[in-house]
N, C-alpha and C. Protein backbone atom coordinates (compact mmCIF):
# COMPACT_ATOMS: atom_id res chain seq x y z
N MET A 1 -31.26 50.85 -23.51
CA MET A 1 -31.17 51.26 -21.65
C MET A 1 -31.18 49.62 -20.95
N ALA A 2 -32.56 48.93 -21.66
CA ALA A 2 -32.96 47.96 -21.22
C ALA A 2 -31.87 46.56 -21.26
N ASN A 3 -31.26 46.55 -22.16
CA ASN A 3 -30.15 45.72 -22.21
C ASN A 3 -29.21 45.89 -21.31
N GLN A 4 -28.76 47.18 -21.03
CA GLN A 4 -27.79 47.33 -19.96
C GLN A 4 -28.00 47.26 -18.75
N ILE A 5 -28.98 47.63 -18.31
CA ILE A 5 -30.01 47.33 -16.88
C ILE A 5 -29.63 45.63 -16.95
N SER A 6 -30.16 44.65 -18.08
CA SER A 6 -30.28 43.63 -18.11
C SER A 6 -28.50 42.81 -17.60
N THR A 7 -27.90 43.48 -18.41
CA THR A 7 -26.18 43.06 -18.51
C THR A 7 -25.97 43.28 -16.81
N ALA A 8 -26.14 44.56 -16.29
CA ALA A 8 -25.90 44.58 -14.84
C ALA A 8 -26.29 43.45 -13.95
N HIS A 9 -27.86 43.14 -14.28
CA HIS A 9 -28.43 42.07 -13.25
C HIS A 9 -27.78 40.87 -13.47
N LEU A 10 -27.53 40.68 -14.95
CA LEU A 10 -26.84 38.99 -14.96
C LEU A 10 -25.92 39.27 -14.28
N SER A 11 -24.66 40.30 -14.35
CA SER A 11 -23.44 40.36 -13.47
C SER A 11 -23.48 39.91 -12.05
N ILE A 12 -24.83 40.73 -11.61
CA ILE A 12 -24.96 40.52 -10.46
C ILE A 12 -25.42 39.01 -10.04
N ALA A 13 -26.37 38.58 -10.70
CA ALA A 13 -26.50 37.06 -10.85
C ALA A 13 -25.53 36.09 -10.58
N ARG A 14 -25.11 36.60 -11.82
CA ARG A 14 -23.73 35.33 -11.69
C ARG A 14 -22.82 35.79 -10.15
N GLN A 15 -22.55 36.76 -9.93
CA GLN A 15 -21.98 36.83 -8.50
C GLN A 15 -22.75 36.45 -7.36
N ASN A 16 -23.72 36.55 -7.22
CA ASN A 16 -24.95 35.95 -6.35
C ASN A 16 -24.65 34.29 -6.36
N PHE A 17 -24.95 33.65 -7.52
CA PHE A 17 -24.74 32.26 -8.03
C PHE A 17 -23.34 31.64 -7.11
N ALA A 18 -22.83 32.46 -7.56
CA ALA A 18 -21.08 32.08 -7.08
C ALA A 18 -20.88 32.28 -5.35
N GLU A 19 -21.55 33.37 -4.98
CA GLU A 19 -21.55 33.39 -3.40
C GLU A 19 -22.37 32.53 -2.90
N CYS A 20 -23.44 31.59 -3.61
CA CYS A 20 -24.32 30.67 -2.99
C CYS A 20 -23.81 29.55 -3.12
N GLN A 21 -22.83 29.24 -3.97
CA GLN A 21 -22.48 27.67 -4.41
C GLN A 21 -22.12 26.86 -3.39
N THR A 22 -21.71 27.40 -2.22
CA THR A 22 -21.36 26.39 -0.91
C THR A 22 -22.28 25.71 -0.41
N MET A 23 -23.72 27.10 -0.27
CA MET A 23 -24.73 27.00 0.04
C MET A 23 -25.50 25.54 -0.46
N PHE A 24 -25.36 25.86 -1.99
CA PHE A 24 -25.90 25.19 -2.89
C PHE A 24 -25.52 23.43 -2.67
N VAL A 25 -24.49 23.28 -2.24
CA VAL A 25 -23.65 22.08 -2.54
C VAL A 25 -24.27 21.43 -0.96
N ALA A 26 -24.11 22.17 0.08
CA ALA A 26 -24.43 21.50 1.31
C ALA A 26 -25.65 21.46 1.04
N LEU A 27 -27.01 22.25 0.70
CA LEU A 27 -28.20 21.80 0.43
C LEU A 27 -28.74 20.67 -0.17
N GLY A 28 -28.08 20.37 -0.86
CA GLY A 28 -28.00 19.42 -2.11
C GLY A 28 -28.38 18.00 -1.61
N ASP A 29 -27.83 17.63 -0.37
CA ASP A 29 -27.59 16.61 -0.05
C ASP A 29 -28.97 16.20 1.10
N GLU A 30 -29.56 15.11 0.74
CA GLU A 30 -31.10 14.78 1.47
C GLU A 30 -30.62 14.88 3.04
N SER A 31 -29.77 14.21 3.61
CA SER A 31 -29.51 14.22 4.78
C SER A 31 -29.39 15.27 5.24
N ARG A 32 -28.33 16.24 4.94
CA ARG A 32 -28.34 17.43 5.51
C ARG A 32 -29.71 18.02 5.61
N GLN A 33 -30.52 18.19 4.42
CA GLN A 33 -31.94 18.78 4.70
C GLN A 33 -32.79 18.37 5.73
N GLN A 34 -32.58 16.85 6.12
CA GLN A 34 -33.48 16.86 7.20
C GLN A 34 -32.62 17.35 8.32
N ILE A 35 -31.26 17.44 8.68
CA ILE A 35 -30.74 17.75 9.55
C ILE A 35 -31.56 19.39 9.54
N ILE A 36 -31.13 19.94 8.81
CA ILE A 36 -31.97 21.46 8.66
C ILE A 36 -33.20 21.68 9.21
N MET A 37 -34.18 20.68 8.69
CA MET A 37 -35.64 20.46 9.08
C MET A 37 -35.73 20.27 10.72
N ALA A 38 -34.46 19.14 10.95
CA ALA A 38 -34.50 18.87 12.64
C ALA A 38 -34.69 20.31 13.26
N LEU A 39 -33.85 21.10 12.74
CA LEU A 39 -32.91 22.40 13.69
C LEU A 39 -34.05 23.63 13.56
N ILE A 40 -34.83 23.47 12.68
CA ILE A 40 -35.79 24.64 12.69
C ILE A 40 -36.56 24.73 13.88
N GLY A 41 -36.93 26.16 14.20
CA GLY A 41 -37.50 26.24 15.21
C GLY A 41 -36.66 26.10 16.88
N THR A 42 -35.62 25.76 16.07
CA THR A 42 -34.27 25.52 17.61
C THR A 42 -33.68 27.09 17.66
N THR A 43 -33.30 27.95 18.37
CA THR A 43 -32.71 29.21 18.56
C THR A 43 -31.04 28.96 18.95
N CYS A 44 -30.34 29.91 19.05
CA CYS A 44 -29.14 29.72 19.43
C CYS A 44 -28.92 29.45 20.84
N GLU A 45 -29.96 29.91 21.56
CA GLU A 45 -30.11 29.29 23.25
C GLU A 45 -30.74 27.94 23.44
N THR A 46 -31.16 27.31 22.45
CA THR A 46 -32.01 26.16 22.93
C THR A 46 -30.89 25.21 22.05
N GLY A 47 -31.01 25.33 20.56
CA GLY A 47 -30.28 24.27 20.16
C GLY A 47 -30.31 22.70 19.93
N LEU A 48 -30.14 22.22 19.54
CA LEU A 48 -29.99 20.65 19.81
C LEU A 48 -28.66 19.71 19.41
N ARG A 49 -28.41 18.84 20.41
CA ARG A 49 -27.09 18.24 20.17
C ARG A 49 -26.95 17.30 19.27
N VAL A 50 -25.72 17.18 19.35
CA VAL A 50 -25.55 15.59 18.04
C VAL A 50 -26.62 14.42 18.49
N GLY A 51 -26.61 14.08 19.58
CA GLY A 51 -27.38 12.93 20.01
C GLY A 51 -28.86 12.99 19.72
N GLU A 52 -29.66 14.20 19.79
CA GLU A 52 -30.78 14.57 19.51
C GLU A 52 -31.00 14.83 18.11
N ILE A 53 -30.07 15.25 17.27
CA ILE A 53 -30.30 15.21 15.88
C ILE A 53 -30.10 13.72 15.30
N THR A 54 -29.17 13.25 15.96
CA THR A 54 -29.14 11.77 15.42
C THR A 54 -30.17 11.02 15.38
N LYS A 55 -30.89 11.14 16.33
CA LYS A 55 -32.68 10.40 16.51
C LYS A 55 -33.26 10.63 15.80
N ALA A 56 -33.08 12.13 15.33
CA ALA A 56 -34.25 13.05 14.74
C ALA A 56 -33.89 12.50 13.26
N VAL A 57 -33.27 12.21 12.81
CA VAL A 57 -32.76 12.10 11.36
C VAL A 57 -32.32 10.60 10.86
N ASN A 58 -32.20 9.69 12.42
CA ASN A 58 -32.21 8.30 12.30
C ASN A 58 -30.81 7.95 11.54
N LEU A 59 -29.58 9.06 11.68
CA LEU A 59 -28.49 8.61 11.31
C LEU A 59 -27.29 8.47 11.95
N SER A 60 -26.24 7.79 12.04
CA SER A 60 -25.03 7.61 12.89
C SER A 60 -24.53 9.18 13.60
N ARG A 61 -23.89 8.85 14.65
CA ARG A 61 -23.31 9.90 15.12
C ARG A 61 -21.79 10.60 14.35
N PRO A 62 -21.08 9.79 13.98
CA PRO A 62 -20.29 10.03 13.11
C PRO A 62 -20.45 10.82 11.57
N ALA A 63 -22.37 10.28 11.18
CA ALA A 63 -22.47 11.10 9.84
C ALA A 63 -23.10 11.79 9.86
N VAL A 64 -23.65 12.32 11.25
CA VAL A 64 -24.23 13.54 11.38
C VAL A 64 -22.98 14.85 11.61
N SER A 65 -22.09 14.10 12.47
CA SER A 65 -21.15 14.78 12.60
C SER A 65 -20.72 15.61 11.52
N HIS A 66 -20.30 14.84 10.56
CA HIS A 66 -19.52 15.11 9.19
C HIS A 66 -20.90 16.09 8.72
N HIS A 67 -22.31 15.84 8.32
CA HIS A 67 -22.79 16.82 7.65
C HIS A 67 -23.11 17.97 8.48
N LEU A 68 -22.89 18.07 9.64
CA LEU A 68 -22.82 19.20 10.88
C LEU A 68 -21.81 20.39 10.25
N LYS A 69 -20.49 19.46 10.02
CA LYS A 69 -19.93 20.32 9.69
C LYS A 69 -19.49 20.85 8.23
N ILE A 70 -20.22 20.51 7.24
CA ILE A 70 -20.72 20.96 6.05
C ILE A 70 -21.53 22.28 6.03
N LEU A 71 -22.47 21.95 7.04
CA LEU A 71 -23.38 22.86 7.26
C LEU A 71 -22.81 24.11 7.96
N ARG A 72 -22.05 23.81 8.87
CA ARG A 72 -21.78 24.67 9.35
C ARG A 72 -20.14 25.90 8.16
N ASP A 73 -19.65 25.05 7.89
CA ASP A 73 -18.61 25.47 6.72
C ASP A 73 -19.51 26.58 5.48
N ALA A 74 -20.91 26.13 5.42
CA ALA A 74 -21.65 26.72 4.52
C ALA A 74 -22.19 28.33 5.08
N GLY A 75 -22.05 28.01 6.45
CA GLY A 75 -22.62 29.03 6.97
C GLY A 75 -24.31 29.04 7.16
N LEU A 76 -24.93 27.78 7.17
CA LEU A 76 -26.08 27.68 7.44
C LEU A 76 -26.72 27.16 8.70
N ILE A 77 -25.79 26.74 9.57
CA ILE A 77 -26.02 26.52 11.37
C ILE A 77 -24.99 26.97 11.87
N ASN A 78 -25.54 27.41 13.37
CA ASN A 78 -24.51 27.78 14.16
C ASN A 78 -24.64 27.00 15.03
N GLN A 79 -23.10 26.59 15.87
CA GLN A 79 -22.66 25.92 17.19
C GLN A 79 -22.46 26.68 18.41
N ARG A 80 -23.11 26.38 19.11
CA ARG A 80 -22.97 26.73 20.64
C ARG A 80 -22.18 26.03 21.58
N LYS A 81 -21.38 26.39 22.24
CA LYS A 81 -20.59 25.52 23.22
C LYS A 81 -21.13 25.73 24.65
N ASP A 82 -21.70 24.80 25.77
CA ASP A 82 -21.90 25.01 26.92
C ASP A 82 -20.94 23.87 27.54
N GLY A 83 -19.40 24.52 28.01
CA GLY A 83 -18.95 23.59 28.72
C GLY A 83 -18.41 22.39 27.66
N THR A 84 -18.97 21.30 27.85
CA THR A 84 -18.24 20.14 26.98
C THR A 84 -19.59 19.78 25.79
N MET A 85 -20.62 20.59 26.14
CA MET A 85 -21.60 20.08 24.82
C MET A 85 -21.66 21.02 23.81
N ASN A 86 -22.05 21.07 23.12
CA ASN A 86 -22.53 21.43 21.58
C ASN A 86 -23.63 21.33 21.42
N PHE A 87 -24.09 22.99 20.77
CA PHE A 87 -26.10 23.05 20.45
C PHE A 87 -25.86 23.67 18.99
N TYR A 88 -26.77 22.93 18.29
CA TYR A 88 -26.55 23.34 16.87
C TYR A 88 -28.06 23.80 16.60
N SER A 89 -28.00 25.01 15.91
CA SER A 89 -29.51 25.63 15.38
C SER A 89 -29.03 26.27 13.93
N VAL A 90 -30.29 26.47 13.11
CA VAL A 90 -30.23 27.29 11.90
C VAL A 90 -29.99 28.69 12.35
N ASP A 91 -28.78 29.08 11.09
CA ASP A 91 -28.45 30.83 11.50
C ASP A 91 -29.04 31.21 9.86
N ILE A 92 -30.68 31.44 10.00
CA ILE A 92 -31.02 32.22 9.38
C ILE A 92 -30.53 33.68 8.97
N ARG A 93 -30.10 34.71 9.70
CA ARG A 93 -29.49 35.67 9.71
C ARG A 93 -28.49 35.78 8.36
N SER A 94 -27.49 34.69 8.35
CA SER A 94 -26.48 35.00 7.34
C SER A 94 -26.32 34.55 6.04
N ASN A 95 -26.20 33.32 5.70
CA ASN A 95 -26.22 32.82 4.23
C ASN A 95 -27.96 32.97 3.57
N PHE A 96 -28.62 32.56 4.57
CA PHE A 96 -30.34 32.31 3.78
C PHE A 96 -30.43 34.00 3.25
N SER A 97 -29.99 34.86 3.73
CA SER A 97 -30.47 36.05 2.91
C SER A 97 -29.66 36.14 1.73
N LYS A 98 -28.45 35.66 1.38
CA LYS A 98 -28.39 35.06 0.22
C LYS A 98 -28.97 34.82 -0.81
N LEU A 99 -29.62 33.63 -0.11
CA LEU A 99 -30.17 32.88 -1.39
C LEU A 99 -31.79 33.75 -1.82
N THR A 100 -32.14 34.80 -0.64
CA THR A 100 -33.53 35.75 -0.94
C THR A 100 -32.76 36.64 -1.81
N ASN A 101 -31.81 37.38 -1.60
CA ASN A 101 -31.15 38.19 -2.70
C ASN A 101 -31.10 37.72 -4.05
N LEU A 102 -30.56 36.36 -4.12
CA LEU A 102 -30.47 35.67 -5.64
C LEU A 102 -32.24 35.11 -6.12
N ILE A 103 -32.61 35.24 -5.40
CA ILE A 103 -34.39 34.61 -5.90
C ILE A 103 -34.75 36.18 -6.34
N LYS A 104 -34.67 37.63 -5.57
CA LYS A 104 -35.05 38.57 -6.14
C LYS A 104 -34.80 39.08 -7.14
N ILE A 105 -33.29 38.87 -7.66
CA ILE A 105 -32.47 39.35 -8.58
C ILE A 105 -33.00 38.51 -9.91
N ILE A 106 -33.20 37.28 -9.73
CA ILE A 106 -33.51 36.26 -10.88
C ILE A 106 -35.32 36.96 -11.24
N GLU A 107 -35.95 37.36 -10.10
CA GLU A 107 -37.28 37.88 -10.54
C GLU A 107 -37.29 38.94 -11.10
N LYS A 108 -36.12 39.94 -10.91
CA LYS A 108 -35.98 40.75 -11.55
C LYS A 108 -35.88 41.00 -13.00
N LEU A 109 -34.55 39.75 -13.16
CA LEU A 109 -34.24 39.70 -14.75
C LEU A 109 -35.68 39.11 -15.52
N GLN A 110 -36.53 38.21 -14.84
CA GLN A 110 -37.47 37.40 -15.28
C GLN A 110 -38.53 39.02 -15.72
N GLU A 111 -38.51 39.55 -15.13
CA GLU A 111 -39.61 40.84 -15.29
C GLU A 111 -39.19 41.58 -16.60
N GLU A 112 -37.77 41.81 -16.62
CA GLU A 112 -37.15 42.60 -17.62
C GLU A 112 -37.20 41.68 -19.03
N THR A 113 -37.19 40.48 -18.67
CA THR A 113 -37.32 39.71 -20.20
C THR A 113 -38.84 39.41 -20.53
N HIS A 114 -39.80 39.18 -19.59
CA HIS A 114 -40.86 39.14 -19.69
C HIS A 114 -42.05 40.27 -19.99
N GLY A 115 -41.24 41.41 -19.29
CA GLY A 115 -42.49 42.48 -19.02
C GLY A 115 -43.49 42.12 -17.79
């Protein structure tokens, strides 16, 4: 019975890893990690503009814009427009919950394997 459960959990873990792939790639870059850290504590209502992020992470505006697109595409940040201004914030409700689920599945597999 335990092997059947383990097989099911392994299958779920593989699926969750696949769903998190884009996030892992996005978070694997140190510059994008710095941008996420700069955005922590902001909300959709507040957020930071590209110029503010540029100063916080000491990167050029084009580099920050490039990294923001990757983070947006991975579902890790929000972009809010206010007229001609764009504000960015961390989106913890979306894909970060997938990472939490993946960790829980891995923990469950560890418990099954090691009791």
